[in-house]
N, C-alpha and C. Protein backbone atom coordinates (compact mmCIF):
# COMPACT_ATOMS: atom_id res chain seq x y z
N UNK A 1 6.23 17.63 20.15
CA UNK A 1 6.27 17.39 18.82
C UNK A 1 5.13 17.26 18.29
N UNK A 2 4.73 17.71 16.82
CA UNK A 2 3.75 17.50 16.23
C UNK A 2 3.75 16.90 14.94
N UNK A 3 3.30 15.62 15.26
CA UNK A 3 3.19 14.60 14.00
C UNK A 3 1.94 14.86 13.31
N UNK A 4 2.25 14.51 11.82
CA UNK A 4 0.68 14.86 11.24
C UNK A 4 0.84 13.45 10.36
N UNK A 5 -0.69 13.35 10.38
CA UNK A 5 -1.02 11.91 9.93
C UNK A 5 -2.45 11.92 9.11
N UNK A 6 -2.72 10.88 8.19
CA UNK A 6 -3.96 11.27 7.28
C UNK A 6 -4.99 10.59 7.78
N UNK A 7 -5.58 9.99 8.99
CA UNK A 7 -6.76 9.36 9.04
C UNK A 7 -7.43 9.48 10.47
N UNK A 8 -8.73 9.96 10.48
CA UNK A 8 -9.38 10.46 11.60
C UNK A 8 -10.48 9.64 11.60
N UNK A 9 -11.17 9.45 12.37
CA UNK A 9 -12.50 8.65 12.84
C UNK A 9 -13.59 9.95 12.80
N UNK A 10 -14.20 9.78 11.77
CA UNK A 10 -15.51 10.54 11.55
C UNK A 10 -16.56 10.86 12.28
N UNK A 11 -16.45 9.71 13.42
CA UNK A 11 -17.41 9.73 14.31
C UNK A 11 -17.08 10.64 15.63
N UNK A 12 -15.76 10.07 15.89
CA UNK A 12 -15.39 10.59 17.10
C UNK A 12 -14.28 12.09 17.12
N UNK A 13 -13.77 12.06 15.77
CA UNK A 13 -12.73 13.07 15.26
C UNK A 13 -11.41 12.62 15.85
N UNK A 14 -11.61 11.48 16.36
CA UNK A 14 -9.86 11.20 17.07
C UNK A 14 -9.40 10.11 15.85
N UNK A 15 -7.93 10.50 15.82
CA UNK A 15 -7.25 9.45 15.04
C UNK A 15 -7.07 7.95 15.34
N UNK A 16 -7.17 7.21 14.40
CA UNK A 16 -7.49 5.91 14.55
C UNK A 16 -6.20 5.12 13.93
N UNK A 17 -5.99 3.92 14.15
CA UNK A 17 -5.31 3.16 13.41
C UNK A 17 -3.77 2.92 13.94
N UNK A 18 -2.66 2.38 12.96
CA UNK A 18 -1.63 2.20 13.50
C UNK A 18 -0.69 3.64 13.93
N UNK A 19 -0.90 4.51 12.79
CA UNK A 19 -0.20 5.73 12.96
C UNK A 19 -0.07 6.45 14.19
N UNK A 20 -1.24 6.41 14.97
CA UNK A 20 -1.51 7.14 16.52
C UNK A 20 -0.62 6.36 17.10
N UNK A 21 -0.70 5.06 17.03
CA UNK A 21 -0.07 4.21 18.03
C UNK A 21 1.48 4.34 18.01
N UNK A 22 1.83 4.59 16.62
CA UNK A 22 3.54 4.65 16.25
C UNK A 22 3.79 6.03 16.73
N UNK A 23 3.20 6.95 16.80
CA UNK A 23 3.52 8.38 17.29
C UNK A 23 3.42 8.32 18.81
N UNK A 24 2.66 7.89 19.37
CA UNK A 24 2.59 7.86 21.00
C UNK A 24 3.84 6.94 21.07
N UNK A 25 4.29 5.90 20.78
CA UNK A 25 5.57 5.27 20.80
C UNK A 25 6.79 5.94 20.56
N UNK A 26 6.73 6.58 19.68
CA UNK A 26 7.81 7.63 19.22
C UNK A 26 8.06 8.85 20.22
N UNK A 27 7.04 9.29 20.73
CA UNK A 27 7.03 10.20 21.83
C UNK A 27 7.40 9.96 23.00
N UNK A 28 6.88 8.47 23.48
CA UNK A 28 7.51 8.12 24.57
C UNK A 28 8.92 7.87 24.66
N UNK A 29 9.39 7.35 23.56
CA UNK A 29 10.89 7.25 23.18
C UNK A 29 11.84 8.46 23.38
N UNK A 30 11.22 9.49 22.77
CA UNK A 30 11.66 10.83 22.77
C UNK A 30 11.60 11.63 24.09
N UNK A 31 10.64 11.16 24.72
CA UNK A 31 10.40 11.65 25.84
C UNK A 31 9.71 13.22 25.73
N UNK A 32 8.70 13.14 24.92
CA UNK A 32 8.38 14.67 24.55
C UNK A 32 6.99 14.33 24.53
N UNK A 33 5.87 15.80 24.93
CA UNK A 33 4.67 15.62 24.31
C UNK A 33 4.31 15.62 22.99
N UNK A 34 3.29 15.40 22.48
CA UNK A 34 2.77 15.37 21.17
C UNK A 34 1.39 15.66 20.90
N UNK A 35 1.05 16.05 19.77
CA UNK A 35 -0.24 16.35 18.98
C UNK A 35 -0.31 15.87 17.77
N UNK A 36 -1.37 14.84 17.50
CA UNK A 36 -1.73 14.54 16.33
C UNK A 36 -2.60 15.49 15.33
N UNK A 37 -1.81 15.95 14.22
CA UNK A 37 -2.79 16.83 13.24
C UNK A 37 -3.48 15.87 12.21
N UNK A 38 -4.47 15.98 11.57
CA UNK A 38 -5.06 15.25 10.50
C UNK A 38 -5.13 15.98 9.47
N UNK A 39 -4.80 15.07 8.27
CA UNK A 39 -4.67 15.72 6.89
C UNK A 39 -5.49 14.84 6.13
N UNK A 40 -6.02 15.48 5.11
CA UNK A 40 -7.10 14.87 3.88
C UNK A 40 -6.19 14.00 2.97
N UNK A 41 -5.08 14.60 2.92
CA UNK A 41 -4.23 13.89 1.65
C UNK A 41 -2.65 14.36 1.99
N UNK A 42 -1.93 13.74 0.90
CA UNK A 42 -0.31 14.01 1.21
C UNK A 42 0.11 15.63 0.84
N UNK A 43 -0.80 16.16 -0.02
CA UNK A 43 -0.31 17.38 -0.29
C UNK A 43 -0.57 18.13 1.42
N UNK A 44 -1.46 17.74 2.04
CA UNK A 44 -1.84 18.59 3.36
C UNK A 44 -0.80 18.39 4.25
N UNK A 45 -0.19 17.04 4.42
CA UNK A 45 0.99 16.64 5.26
C UNK A 45 1.95 17.42 4.80
N UNK A 46 2.29 17.62 3.40
CA UNK A 46 3.79 18.16 3.05
C UNK A 46 3.56 19.87 3.77
N UNK A 47 2.33 20.33 3.52
CA UNK A 47 2.06 21.82 3.69
C UNK A 47 2.38 21.98 5.15
N UNK A 48 2.04 20.79 6.04
CA UNK A 48 2.00 21.32 7.71
C UNK A 48 3.59 21.16 7.90
N UNK A 49 4.20 20.26 7.33
CA UNK A 49 5.70 20.10 7.89
C UNK A 49 6.23 21.51 7.26
N UNK A 50 5.97 21.87 6.10
CA UNK A 50 6.81 23.14 5.27
C UNK A 50 6.19 24.46 6.04
N UNK A 51 5.19 24.33 6.73
CA UNK A 51 4.55 25.60 7.34
C UNK A 51 4.86 25.61 8.90
N UNK A 52 5.68 24.31 9.35
CA UNK A 52 6.16 24.33 10.63
C UNK A 52 5.10 24.03 11.76
N UNK A 53 4.05 23.50 11.21
CA UNK A 53 2.86 23.25 12.27
C UNK A 53 3.26 21.79 12.47
N UNK A 54 3.93 20.81 11.93
CA UNK A 54 4.49 19.64 12.19
C UNK A 54 5.67 19.37 12.24
N UNK A 55 6.16 18.61 13.00
CA UNK A 55 7.83 18.35 12.92
C UNK A 55 8.05 16.91 12.09
N UNK A 56 6.99 16.00 12.30
CA UNK A 56 7.18 14.71 11.68
C UNK A 56 5.77 14.14 10.83
N UNK A 57 6.12 13.56 9.94
CA UNK A 57 4.73 12.95 9.41
C UNK A 57 5.14 11.63 9.08
N UNK A 58 3.89 10.98 8.54
CA UNK A 58 3.91 9.65 8.03
C UNK A 58 3.33 9.69 6.34
N UNK A 59 3.77 9.21 5.49
CA UNK A 59 3.78 9.36 4.21
C UNK A 59 3.95 8.21 3.41
N UNK A 60 3.02 7.81 2.36
CA UNK A 60 3.43 6.97 1.23
C UNK A 60 4.78 7.43 0.37
N UNK A 61 5.68 6.75 0.12
CA UNK A 61 7.09 6.94 -0.63
C UNK A 61 6.66 7.18 -2.05
N UNK A 62 6.84 8.20 -2.81
CA UNK A 62 6.88 8.53 -4.13
C UNK A 62 8.01 9.35 -4.49
N UNK A 63 8.62 8.93 -5.37
CA UNK A 63 9.73 9.73 -5.97
C UNK A 63 9.64 11.19 -6.13
N UNK A 64 8.46 11.66 -6.50
CA UNK A 64 8.02 12.96 -6.95
C UNK A 64 8.11 13.53 -5.31
N UNK A 65 7.72 12.92 -4.39
CA UNK A 65 7.76 13.78 -3.22
C UNK A 65 8.66 14.08 -2.72
N UNK A 66 9.68 13.54 -3.03
CA UNK A 66 11.15 13.60 -2.35
C UNK A 66 11.38 15.03 -2.76
N UNK A 67 11.02 15.80 -3.61
CA UNK A 67 11.29 17.20 -3.88
C UNK A 67 11.02 17.92 -2.65
N UNK A 68 10.01 17.15 -2.06
CA UNK A 68 9.19 18.46 -1.07
C UNK A 68 9.46 18.01 0.48
N UNK A 69 9.80 16.77 0.61
CA UNK A 69 10.03 16.25 2.13
C UNK A 69 11.22 15.24 1.92
N UNK A 70 11.91 15.07 3.21
CA UNK A 70 12.69 14.26 3.32
C UNK A 70 12.18 12.89 3.97
N UNK A 71 12.67 11.50 3.38
CA UNK A 71 11.91 10.40 3.93
C UNK A 71 12.83 9.61 4.41
N UNK A 72 12.07 9.11 5.72
CA UNK A 72 13.19 8.39 6.67
C UNK A 72 12.56 6.90 6.71
N UNK A 73 12.66 5.98 7.38
CA UNK A 73 12.64 4.55 7.65
C UNK A 73 11.22 4.18 7.20
N UNK A 74 11.05 3.23 6.71
CA UNK A 74 9.83 2.97 6.43
C UNK A 74 8.98 2.13 7.82
N UNK A 75 7.58 2.11 7.86
CA UNK A 75 6.75 1.74 9.16
C UNK A 75 5.89 0.55 8.29
N UNK A 76 5.05 0.94 7.60
CA UNK A 76 4.16 -0.04 7.11
C UNK A 76 4.28 -0.14 5.63
N UNK A 77 3.60 -1.27 4.83
CA UNK A 77 3.69 -1.28 3.59
C UNK A 77 2.15 -1.61 3.23
N UNK A 78 1.50 -0.75 2.38
CA UNK A 78 0.23 -0.30 1.66
C UNK A 78 0.13 -1.27 0.27
N UNK A 79 -0.82 -2.08 0.39
CA UNK A 79 -1.04 -2.93 -1.08
C UNK A 79 -2.20 -1.94 -1.70
N UNK A 80 -2.46 -2.17 -3.19
CA UNK A 80 -3.28 -1.28 -3.77
C UNK A 80 -3.94 -2.41 -4.72
N UNK A 81 -5.27 -2.13 -4.78
CA UNK A 81 -5.79 -3.23 -5.70
C UNK A 81 -7.18 -2.50 -6.65
N UNK A 82 -6.87 -2.83 -7.84
CA UNK A 82 -8.01 -2.02 -8.76
C UNK A 82 -9.20 -2.74 -8.45
N UNK A 83 -10.11 -2.09 -8.55
CA UNK A 83 -11.67 -2.17 -8.40
C UNK A 83 -12.35 -2.27 -9.60
N UNK A 84 -13.09 -3.17 -10.04
CA UNK A 84 -13.85 -3.47 -11.25
C UNK A 84 -15.25 -3.60 -11.03
N UNK A 85 -16.15 -3.61 -11.92
CA UNK A 85 -17.35 -4.20 -11.60
C UNK A 85 -17.42 -5.47 -11.98
N UNK A 86 -18.65 -6.31 -11.28
CA UNK A 86 -18.32 -7.70 -10.71
C UNK A 86 -18.55 -8.65 -12.03
N UNK A 87 -18.79 -8.13 -12.99
CA UNK A 87 -19.02 -9.16 -14.14
C UNK A 87 -17.79 -8.67 -15.06
N UNK A 88 -16.73 -7.61 -14.74
CA UNK A 88 -15.82 -7.38 -15.62
C UNK A 88 -14.80 -8.45 -15.97
N UNK A 89 -14.56 -8.35 -17.60
CA UNK A 89 -13.48 -9.46 -18.02
C UNK A 89 -12.09 -9.21 -17.46
N UNK A 90 -11.72 -7.99 -16.69
CA UNK A 90 -10.35 -7.77 -16.29
C UNK A 90 -10.59 -8.68 -14.89
N UNK A 91 -9.39 -9.61 -14.92
CA UNK A 91 -9.17 -10.39 -13.66
C UNK A 91 -8.04 -10.32 -12.71
N UNK A 92 -7.06 -9.52 -13.67
CA UNK A 92 -5.67 -9.23 -12.89
C UNK A 92 -5.05 -7.98 -13.65
N UNK A 93 -4.31 -7.39 -12.71
CA UNK A 93 -3.66 -6.02 -12.53
C UNK A 93 -3.13 -5.80 -14.07
N UNK A 94 -2.45 -7.05 -14.68
CA UNK A 94 -1.71 -7.27 -15.91
C UNK A 94 -2.78 -6.79 -17.08
N UNK A 95 -4.26 -7.01 -16.59
CA UNK A 95 -5.30 -6.81 -17.74
C UNK A 95 -5.48 -5.40 -17.89
N UNK A 96 -4.95 -4.61 -17.15
CA UNK A 96 -5.76 -2.90 -17.07
C UNK A 96 -5.00 -2.32 -18.20
N UNK A 97 -3.85 -2.35 -18.41
CA UNK A 97 -3.07 -1.65 -19.41
C UNK A 97 -3.29 -1.70 -20.78
N UNK A 98 -4.62 -1.42 -21.41
CA UNK A 98 -5.03 -1.83 -22.71
C UNK A 98 -5.68 -0.94 -23.05
N UNK A 99 -5.56 -0.59 -24.47
CA UNK A 99 -6.45 0.45 -25.18
C UNK A 99 -7.73 -0.02 -25.29
N UNK A 100 -8.89 1.03 -24.75
CA UNK A 100 -10.27 0.97 -24.62
C UNK A 100 -10.58 0.89 -22.86
N UNK A 101 -9.64 0.78 -22.18
CA UNK A 101 -9.85 0.76 -20.83
C UNK A 101 -9.55 2.00 -20.18
N UNK A 102 -10.43 2.56 -19.37
CA UNK A 102 -10.49 3.88 -18.78
C UNK A 102 -10.15 3.36 -17.25
N UNK A 103 -9.24 4.12 -16.51
CA UNK A 103 -8.77 3.84 -15.12
C UNK A 103 -9.03 5.26 -14.68
N UNK A 104 -9.99 5.06 -13.36
CA UNK A 104 -10.05 6.48 -12.57
C UNK A 104 -9.05 6.27 -11.45
N UNK A 105 -8.61 7.46 -10.97
CA UNK A 105 -7.68 7.75 -9.68
C UNK A 105 -8.15 8.86 -9.27
N UNK A 106 -7.38 9.35 -7.98
CA UNK A 106 -7.98 10.48 -7.42
C UNK A 106 -6.62 11.45 -7.40
N UNK A 107 -6.57 12.51 -7.69
CA UNK A 107 -5.41 13.34 -8.14
C UNK A 107 -4.40 13.51 -6.94
N UNK A 108 -3.41 13.00 -7.05
CA UNK A 108 -2.21 13.47 -6.25
C UNK A 108 -1.86 12.18 -5.14
N UNK A 109 -2.91 11.38 -5.24
CA UNK A 109 -2.53 10.07 -4.27
C UNK A 109 -1.74 9.05 -5.15
N UNK A 110 -1.11 8.23 -4.26
CA UNK A 110 -0.13 7.23 -4.77
C UNK A 110 -0.70 6.33 -5.98
N UNK A 111 -1.97 6.10 -5.69
CA UNK A 111 -2.64 5.36 -7.06
C UNK A 111 -2.32 6.23 -8.31
N UNK A 112 -2.68 7.41 -8.16
CA UNK A 112 -3.11 8.40 -9.38
C UNK A 112 -1.66 8.57 -9.89
N UNK A 113 -0.54 8.77 -9.00
CA UNK A 113 0.82 9.01 -9.43
C UNK A 113 1.36 7.84 -10.32
N UNK A 114 1.03 6.71 -9.68
CA UNK A 114 1.47 5.26 -10.45
C UNK A 114 0.81 5.15 -11.81
N UNK A 115 -0.49 5.27 -11.72
CA UNK A 115 -1.23 5.09 -13.01
C UNK A 115 -0.76 5.91 -14.29
N UNK A 116 -0.78 7.41 -13.67
CA UNK A 116 -0.51 8.27 -14.75
C UNK A 116 0.88 8.36 -15.31
N UNK A 117 1.91 7.60 -14.59
CA UNK A 117 3.22 7.37 -14.95
C UNK A 117 3.63 6.24 -15.71
N UNK A 118 2.79 5.18 -15.10
CA UNK A 118 3.22 3.73 -15.54
C UNK A 118 2.39 3.20 -16.90
N UNK A 119 0.88 3.47 -16.97
CA UNK A 119 0.09 2.92 -17.83
C UNK A 119 0.19 3.73 -19.18
N UNK A 120 0.62 2.99 -20.10
CA UNK A 120 0.97 3.37 -21.40
C UNK A 120 -0.10 3.29 -22.30
N UNK A 121 -1.14 2.69 -22.37
CA UNK A 121 -2.33 2.05 -23.41
C UNK A 121 -3.94 2.46 -22.98
N UNK A 122 -3.91 2.32 -21.68
CA UNK A 122 -5.32 3.03 -20.86
C UNK A 122 -5.26 4.25 -20.74
N UNK A 123 -6.73 4.84 -20.75
CA UNK A 123 -6.78 6.17 -20.55
C UNK A 123 -6.74 6.33 -18.96
N UNK A 124 -6.35 7.36 -18.42
CA UNK A 124 -6.42 7.55 -16.95
C UNK A 124 -7.38 8.69 -16.80
N UNK A 125 -8.54 8.61 -15.87
CA UNK A 125 -9.66 9.83 -15.69
C UNK A 125 -9.37 10.30 -14.36
N UNK A 126 -9.02 11.54 -14.14
CA UNK A 126 -8.44 11.93 -12.69
C UNK A 126 -9.58 12.75 -11.99
N UNK A 127 -9.89 12.10 -10.54
CA UNK A 127 -10.74 13.02 -10.36
C UNK A 127 -10.23 13.84 -8.82
N UNK A 128 -10.95 14.96 -8.38
CA UNK A 128 -10.35 15.89 -7.72
C UNK A 128 -10.51 15.41 -6.34
N UNK A 129 -11.06 14.75 -5.86
CA UNK A 129 -11.75 13.96 -4.70
C UNK A 129 -12.23 12.68 -4.79
N UNK A 130 -12.11 11.80 -3.72
CA UNK A 130 -12.64 10.54 -4.09
C UNK A 130 -14.20 10.62 -3.86
N UNK A 131 -14.75 10.13 -5.01
CA UNK A 131 -16.12 10.15 -4.97
C UNK A 131 -16.75 9.09 -3.96
N UNK A 132 -17.98 9.53 -3.55
CA UNK A 132 -18.76 8.54 -2.40
C UNK A 132 -19.38 7.20 -3.00
N UNK A 133 -19.36 6.20 -2.55
CA UNK A 133 -19.55 4.85 -2.92
C UNK A 133 -20.82 4.82 -3.78
N UNK A 134 -21.68 5.70 -3.75
CA UNK A 134 -22.75 5.54 -4.91
C UNK A 134 -22.43 5.90 -6.20
N UNK A 135 -21.44 6.93 -5.98
CA UNK A 135 -20.75 7.29 -7.21
C UNK A 135 -19.90 6.39 -7.65
N UNK A 136 -18.92 5.63 -7.02
CA UNK A 136 -17.92 4.68 -7.32
C UNK A 136 -18.84 3.57 -8.14
N UNK A 137 -20.09 3.21 -7.58
CA UNK A 137 -20.83 2.33 -8.20
C UNK A 137 -21.42 2.67 -9.45
N UNK A 138 -21.84 3.79 -9.52
CA UNK A 138 -22.46 4.21 -10.68
C UNK A 138 -21.23 4.39 -11.81
N UNK A 139 -20.23 4.69 -11.46
CA UNK A 139 -19.28 5.16 -12.65
C UNK A 139 -18.64 3.64 -13.15
N UNK A 140 -18.66 2.87 -12.48
CA UNK A 140 -17.98 1.59 -12.90
C UNK A 140 -19.31 0.61 -13.40
N UNK A 141 -20.66 0.65 -13.07
CA UNK A 141 -21.45 -0.25 -13.41
C UNK A 141 -22.25 0.53 -14.71
N UNK A 142 -22.00 1.80 -14.90
CA UNK A 142 -22.45 2.21 -16.11
C UNK A 142 -21.30 2.56 -17.26
N UNK A 143 -20.37 1.96 -16.78
CA UNK A 143 -19.07 1.58 -17.92
C UNK A 143 -18.64 3.12 -18.13
N UNK A 144 -18.98 4.32 -17.30
CA UNK A 144 -17.98 5.41 -17.22
C UNK A 144 -16.56 5.39 -17.20
N UNK A 145 -16.27 4.47 -16.46
CA UNK A 145 -14.80 3.95 -16.09
C UNK A 145 -14.70 2.45 -16.07
N UNK A 146 -13.65 1.93 -16.33
CA UNK A 146 -13.67 0.42 -16.31
C UNK A 146 -13.10 -0.21 -14.89
N UNK A 147 -12.28 0.88 -14.42
CA UNK A 147 -11.33 0.62 -13.40
C UNK A 147 -11.26 1.66 -12.34
N UNK A 148 -11.20 1.17 -11.00
CA UNK A 148 -11.04 2.59 -10.11
C UNK A 148 -9.51 2.04 -9.34
N UNK A 149 -8.57 2.86 -9.62
CA UNK A 149 -7.29 2.47 -8.72
C UNK A 149 -7.32 3.26 -7.40
N UNK A 150 -7.48 2.35 -6.41
CA UNK A 150 -7.33 2.60 -4.65
C UNK A 150 -6.69 1.61 -4.10
N UNK A 151 -6.31 2.11 -2.88
CA UNK A 151 -5.46 0.79 -1.87
C UNK A 151 -6.76 0.04 -1.65
N UNK A 152 -5.71 -1.39 -1.29
CA UNK A 152 -6.68 -2.46 -1.26
C UNK A 152 -7.89 -2.37 -0.08
N UNK A 153 -7.67 -1.74 1.00
CA UNK A 153 -8.44 -1.57 2.08
C UNK A 153 -9.67 -0.77 1.48
N UNK A 154 -9.69 -0.02 0.83
CA UNK A 154 -10.75 0.78 0.18
C UNK A 154 -11.32 0.02 -0.52
N UNK A 155 -10.87 -0.80 -1.81
CA UNK A 155 -11.52 -1.73 -3.05
C UNK A 155 -12.01 -2.56 -2.14
N UNK A 156 -11.51 -3.26 -0.92
CA UNK A 156 -12.40 -4.38 -0.37
C UNK A 156 -13.71 -3.93 0.24
N UNK A 157 -13.39 -2.74 0.95
CA UNK A 157 -14.67 -2.10 1.54
C UNK A 157 -15.83 -1.67 0.52
N UNK A 158 -15.28 -1.45 -0.34
CA UNK A 158 -16.41 -0.89 -1.80
C UNK A 158 -17.01 -2.08 -2.44
N UNK A 159 -16.12 -3.10 -2.62
CA UNK A 159 -16.80 -4.35 -2.95
C UNK A 159 -17.79 -5.04 -2.17
N UNK A 160 -17.42 -4.79 -0.76
CA UNK A 160 -18.65 -5.23 0.16
C UNK A 160 -19.74 -4.57 0.29
N UNK A 161 -19.60 -3.24 0.30
CA UNK A 161 -20.67 -2.22 0.29
C UNK A 161 -21.72 -2.18 -0.80
N UNK A 162 -21.06 -2.86 -2.05
CA UNK A 162 -21.75 -2.58 -3.37
C UNK A 162 -22.64 -4.15 -3.24
N UNK A 163 -22.52 -4.86 -2.26
CA UNK A 163 -23.37 -6.14 -2.54
C UNK A 163 -22.54 -7.06 -3.36
N UNK A 164 -21.47 -6.93 -3.64
CA UNK A 164 -20.40 -7.82 -4.43
C UNK A 164 -20.92 -7.33 -6.10
N UNK A 165 -21.49 -6.27 -6.43
CA UNK A 165 -21.61 -5.89 -7.56
C UNK A 165 -20.42 -5.15 -8.27
N UNK A 166 -19.40 -5.05 -7.42
CA UNK A 166 -18.11 -4.45 -7.53
C UNK A 166 -17.00 -5.63 -7.08
N UNK A 167 -15.90 -5.63 -7.73
CA UNK A 167 -14.90 -6.55 -7.36
C UNK A 167 -13.51 -6.06 -7.22
N UNK A 168 -12.97 -6.34 -6.21
CA UNK A 168 -11.54 -6.02 -6.16
C UNK A 168 -10.63 -7.07 -6.72
N UNK A 169 -9.71 -6.63 -7.59
CA UNK A 169 -8.82 -7.79 -7.99
C UNK A 169 -7.80 -7.99 -7.04
N UNK A 170 -7.57 -9.63 -7.22
CA UNK A 170 -7.16 -10.28 -5.94
C UNK A 170 -5.67 -9.86 -6.09
N UNK A 171 -5.02 -9.46 -6.87
CA UNK A 171 -3.61 -9.11 -6.65
C UNK A 171 -3.44 -7.69 -6.47
N UNK A 172 -2.22 -7.35 -6.15
CA UNK A 172 -1.61 -5.92 -5.64
C UNK A 172 -0.96 -5.32 -6.97
N UNK A 173 -1.12 -4.15 -7.61
CA UNK A 173 -0.71 -3.47 -8.42
C UNK A 173 0.32 -2.74 -8.11
N UNK A 174 0.70 -2.26 -6.66
CA UNK A 174 1.54 -1.75 -6.33
C UNK A 174 1.75 -1.95 -4.93
N UNK A 175 3.08 -1.96 -4.14
CA UNK A 175 3.20 -1.90 -2.87
C UNK A 175 4.01 -0.92 -2.37
N UNK A 176 3.45 0.14 -1.72
CA UNK A 176 4.29 1.37 -1.28
C UNK A 176 4.33 1.27 0.23
N UNK A 177 5.72 1.65 0.43
CA UNK A 177 5.94 1.91 1.97
C UNK A 177 5.56 3.27 2.63
N UNK A 178 4.86 3.16 3.79
CA UNK A 178 4.55 4.36 4.57
C UNK A 178 5.64 4.58 5.32
N UNK A 179 6.42 5.71 5.47
CA UNK A 179 7.45 5.99 6.01
C UNK A 179 7.17 7.29 6.88
N UNK A 180 8.43 7.66 7.75
CA UNK A 180 8.62 8.81 8.41
C UNK A 180 8.92 9.75 7.48
N UNK A 181 8.40 10.98 7.63
CA UNK A 181 8.79 12.22 6.72
C UNK A 181 8.95 13.70 7.51
N UNK A 182 10.02 14.03 7.19
CA UNK A 182 10.12 15.39 7.95
C UNK A 182 10.56 16.72 6.67
N UNK A 183 10.59 17.62 7.13
CA UNK A 183 10.32 18.74 5.82
C UNK A 183 11.71 18.75 5.28
N UNK A 184 11.95 19.24 4.02
CA UNK A 184 12.94 19.18 3.22
C UNK A 184 14.16 19.58 3.79
N UNK A 185 15.36 19.15 4.21
CA UNK A 185 16.50 19.92 4.93
C UNK A 185 16.38 19.57 6.21
N UNK A 186 15.59 18.97 6.71
CA UNK A 186 15.59 18.74 8.39
C UNK A 186 15.95 17.20 8.78
N UNK A 187 16.95 16.64 7.53
CA UNK A 187 17.39 15.12 7.65
C UNK A 187 18.02 15.01 8.89
N UNK A 188 18.46 15.73 9.67
CA UNK A 188 19.30 15.40 10.84
C UNK A 188 18.44 14.57 11.85
N UNK A 189 17.21 14.61 11.77
CA UNK A 189 16.14 13.74 12.62
C UNK A 189 16.04 12.37 12.17
N UNK A 190 16.47 12.32 10.78
CA UNK A 190 16.39 10.76 10.43
C UNK A 190 17.14 9.42 11.00
N UNK A 191 18.32 9.97 11.65
CA UNK A 191 18.96 8.61 11.90
C UNK A 191 18.25 7.81 13.15
N UNK A 192 17.65 9.01 14.30
CA UNK A 192 17.13 8.60 15.32
C UNK A 192 15.55 7.76 14.96
N UNK A 193 15.13 8.56 13.86
CA UNK A 193 13.80 8.10 13.51
C UNK A 193 13.99 6.61 12.79
N UNK A 194 15.13 6.23 12.23
CA UNK A 194 15.25 5.29 11.63
C UNK A 194 15.44 4.21 12.58
N UNK A 195 16.18 4.52 13.84
CA UNK A 195 16.40 3.63 14.89
C UNK A 195 15.23 2.88 15.34
N UNK A 196 14.34 4.16 15.68
CA UNK A 196 13.02 3.80 16.41
C UNK A 196 11.86 3.09 15.59
N UNK A 197 11.94 3.31 14.18
CA UNK A 197 11.16 2.47 13.20
C UNK A 197 11.68 1.19 13.18
N UNK A 198 12.84 0.79 13.35
CA UNK A 198 13.43 -0.51 13.37
C UNK A 198 13.05 -1.20 14.69
N UNK A 199 13.06 -0.47 15.78
CA UNK A 199 12.68 -1.05 17.13
C UNK A 199 11.39 -1.36 17.24
N UNK A 200 10.30 -0.55 16.73
CA UNK A 200 8.95 -0.72 16.51
C UNK A 200 8.69 -1.79 15.43
N UNK A 201 9.22 -1.76 14.37
CA UNK A 201 8.99 -3.14 13.41
C UNK A 201 8.88 -4.32 14.29
N UNK A 202 10.46 -4.44 14.97
CA UNK A 202 10.70 -5.72 15.62
C UNK A 202 9.99 -5.83 16.74
N UNK A 203 9.35 -5.31 17.56
CA UNK A 203 8.77 -5.12 18.63
C UNK A 203 7.38 -5.74 18.59
N UNK A 204 6.76 -5.97 17.28
CA UNK A 204 5.46 -6.27 17.33
C UNK A 204 4.36 -5.46 17.26
N UNK A 205 4.66 -4.00 17.81
CA UNK A 205 3.69 -3.05 18.17
C UNK A 205 3.00 -2.65 16.55
N UNK A 206 3.44 -2.55 15.77
CA UNK A 206 3.07 -2.29 14.80
C UNK A 206 2.16 -3.22 13.88
N UNK A 207 2.49 -4.61 14.07
CA UNK A 207 1.68 -5.44 13.43
C UNK A 207 0.40 -5.71 14.57
N UNK A 208 0.73 -5.63 15.84
CA UNK A 208 -0.45 -5.79 16.48
C UNK A 208 -1.71 -4.67 16.36
N UNK A 209 -1.34 -3.45 16.04
CA UNK A 209 -1.81 -2.24 15.93
C UNK A 209 -2.73 -2.61 14.57
N UNK A 210 -1.97 -2.97 13.51
CA UNK A 210 -2.75 -3.40 12.20
C UNK A 210 -3.90 -4.26 12.71
N UNK A 211 -3.73 -5.39 13.43
CA UNK A 211 -4.65 -6.53 13.60
C UNK A 211 -5.78 -6.03 14.54
N UNK A 212 -5.36 -4.91 15.42
CA UNK A 212 -6.43 -4.38 16.31
C UNK A 212 -7.51 -3.37 15.18
N UNK A 213 -6.96 -2.98 14.60
CA UNK A 213 -7.68 -1.80 13.62
C UNK A 213 -8.56 -2.55 12.65
N UNK A 214 -8.07 -4.10 12.51
CA UNK A 214 -8.70 -4.64 11.24
C UNK A 214 -8.54 -4.48 10.05
N UNK A 215 -7.18 -4.01 9.68
CA UNK A 215 -6.94 -3.40 8.55
C UNK A 215 -6.81 -4.48 7.60
N UNK A 216 -6.72 -4.32 6.16
CA UNK A 216 -6.75 -5.30 5.47
C UNK A 216 -5.94 -4.63 3.98
N UNK A 217 -4.83 -5.24 3.59
CA UNK A 217 -4.16 -4.58 2.45
C UNK A 217 -2.98 -4.07 3.35
N UNK A 218 -2.79 -3.79 4.50
CA UNK A 218 -1.71 -3.27 5.06
C UNK A 218 -0.90 -4.53 5.87
N UNK A 219 0.72 -4.04 5.87
CA UNK A 219 1.48 -5.06 6.71
C UNK A 219 2.73 -4.31 7.08
N UNK A 220 3.53 -4.86 7.94
CA UNK A 220 4.74 -4.08 8.78
C UNK A 220 5.68 -4.05 7.34
N UNK A 221 6.10 -2.86 7.41
CA UNK A 221 7.44 -2.80 6.11
C UNK A 221 8.61 -3.77 6.67
N UNK A 222 9.54 -4.13 5.69
CA UNK A 222 10.59 -4.93 5.88
C UNK A 222 11.70 -3.97 6.37
């Protein structure tokens, strides 16, 4: 079994966090060997599945992606927070969708799909890849953009790295399930994946893995 997931430790090159532990537990349950493939984004996960390089993936739910993959049971829920400069007058997510506000997001990521389809008054500026920390700080502090739409873990990390010159809004503008996915038309796998996901959620494995990884803005799916 070759599952694909999206997070690898840049120091060791090894997969880290809840997904590898979920995959290991899944492989034990199915009594099969496994190999984890890394991917920088959702498009890479979809490609690995469709090219049959991977059998199972873990991917954030988005209705547009249902054209490309079949979604299974949820495992994790990811929270997303807007990042602003420290003295911004924007204090909550409901302040963002206003004329004169520019929102940055990375193309194809869950946050970009949301802001591009839901914001009616704010302007959305799309980046092809996530800028490094110093560039994110420059964009916000120089008022090139007013808001950066990213996941909560990354927004809190950016806030801390900036010495609090940046600020993550306290609320979440979007909660998204991270679920098992398979290539389109391969839905025969989904019932057994649903049962295993249910067992893993109930066992406490996912919760303890989140805690060991010290992740913020992520919880066990309902």
